[in-house]
Amino acid sequence: MRIDTEGLSWWLFLACAVFFLIGSIAIADTLFIIGSGLFLAACLVFLAGRNRSSSVD
């Protein structure tokens, strides 16, 4: 059984981003909310494009 450590790492980053966002909402810090949201979005974009083949013409 082979474990995809890179994929696992990105899923853990995603979990951290969710917890950062929840924490920032709890303390109502606007800058922290924006930063956490951007971090979450970046993780999602990376995970979405991870399995796509990159063909450069």
C-alpha atoms as a PDB file:
ATOM      1  CA  MET A   1       0.000   0.000   0.000  1.00  0.00           C
ATOM      2  CA  ARG A   2       1.479   3.325  -1.109  1.00  0.00           C
ATOM      3  CA  ILE A   3       0.550   6.493   0.770  1.00  0.00           C
ATOM      4  CA  ASP A   4       0.365   9.727  -1.223  1.00  0.00           C
ATOM      5  CA  THR A   5       2.235  11.908   1.266  1.00  0.00           C
ATOM      6  CA  GLU A   6       2.007  15.031  -0.894  1.00  0.00           C
ATOM      7  CA  GLY A   7      -1.765  14.670  -1.161  1.00  0.00           C
ATOM      8  CA  LEU A   8      -2.058  13.986   2.552  1.00  0.00           C
ATOM      9  CA  SER A   9      -0.003  17.086   3.288  1.00  0.00           C
ATOM     10  CA  TRP A  10      -2.330  19.267   1.225  1.00  0.00           C
ATOM     11  CA  TRP A  11      -5.402  17.813   2.920  1.00  0.00           C
ATOM     12  CA  LEU A  12      -3.814  18.658   6.284  1.00  0.00           C
ATOM     13  CA  PHE A  13      -3.120  22.204   5.048  1.00  0.00           C
ATOM     14  CA  LEU A  14      -6.788  22.394   4.059  1.00  0.00           C
ATOM     15  CA  ALA A  15      -7.865  21.278   7.541  1.00  0.00           C
ATOM     16  CA  CYS A  16      -5.581  23.895   9.111  1.00  0.00           C
ATOM     17  CA  ALA A  17      -7.045  26.586   6.867  1.00  0.00           C
ATOM     18  CA  VAL A  18     -10.567  25.651   7.976  1.00  0.00           C
ATOM     19  CA  PHE A  19      -9.587  25.835  11.653  1.00  0.00           C
ATOM     20  CA  PHE A  20      -7.794  29.165  11.105  1.00  0.00           C
ATOM     21  CA  LEU A  21     -10.942  30.515   9.441  1.00  0.00           C
ATOM     22  CA  ILE A  22     -13.180  29.281  12.267  1.00  0.00           C
ATOM     23  CA  GLY A  23     -10.834  30.794  14.858  1.00  0.00           C
ATOM     24  CA  SER A  24     -10.683  34.119  13.065  1.00  0.00           C
ATOM     25  CA  ILE A  25     -14.468  34.288  12.812  1.00  0.00           C
ATOM     26  CA  ALA A  26     -14.725  33.499  16.536  1.00  0.00           C
ATOM     27  CA  ILE A  27     -12.526  36.478  17.457  1.00  0.00           C
ATOM     28  CA  ALA A  28     -13.992  38.673  14.680  1.00  0.00           C
ATOM     29  CA  ASP A  29     -10.616  39.780  13.305  1.00  0.00           C
ATOM     30  CA  THR A  30     -11.229  41.046   9.763  1.00  0.00           C
ATOM     31  CA  LEU A  31      -7.632  40.801   8.582  1.00  0.00           C
ATOM     32  CA  PHE A  32      -7.285  37.285   9.996  1.00  0.00           C
ATOM     33  CA  ILE A  33     -10.555  36.258   8.301  1.00  0.00           C
ATOM     34  CA  ILE A  34      -9.326  37.549   4.934  1.00  0.00           C
ATOM     35  CA  GLY A  35      -5.941  35.844   5.295  1.00  0.00           C
ATOM     36  CA  SER A  36      -7.493  32.560   6.402  1.00  0.00           C
ATOM     37  CA  GLY A  37      -9.986  32.687   3.548  1.00  0.00           C
ATOM     38  CA  LEU A  38      -7.205  33.259   1.030  1.00  0.00           C
ATOM     39  CA  PHE A  39      -5.194  30.392   2.507  1.00  0.00           C
ATOM     40  CA  LEU A  40      -8.259  28.137   2.282  1.00  0.00           C
ATOM     41  CA  ALA A  41      -8.896  29.185  -1.329  1.00  0.00           C
ATOM     42  CA  ALA A  42      -5.259  28.557  -2.282  1.00  0.00           C
ATOM     43  CA  CYS A  43      -5.389  25.053  -0.801  1.00  0.00           C
ATOM     44  CA  LEU A  44      -8.605  24.295  -2.684  1.00  0.00           C
ATOM     45  CA  VAL A  45      -7.205  25.579  -5.983  1.00  0.00           C
ATOM     46  CA  PHE A  46      -4.072  23.501  -5.563  1.00  0.00           C
ATOM     47  CA  LEU A  47      -6.021  20.350  -4.684  1.00  0.00           C
ATOM     48  CA  ALA A  48      -8.413  20.866  -7.610  1.00  0.00           C
ATOM     49  CA  GLY A  49      -5.572  21.102 -10.103  1.00  0.00           C
ATOM     50  CA  ARG A  50      -3.413  18.394  -8.583  1.00  0.00           C
ATOM     51  CA  ASN A  51      -4.610  15.473 -10.670  1.00  0.00           C
ATOM     52  CA  ARG A  52      -4.887  17.301 -13.972  1.00  0.00           C
ATOM     53  CA  SER A  53      -2.314  16.566 -16.593  1.00  0.00           C
ATOM     54  CA  SER A  54      -0.235  19.531 -17.615  1.00  0.00           C
ATOM     55  CA  SER A  55       0.258  19.497 -21.346  1.00  0.00           C
ATOM     56  CA  VAL A  56       2.191  22.443 -22.655  1.00  0.00           C
ATOM     57  CA  ASP A  57       1.794  23.055 -26.372  1.00  0.00           C
END
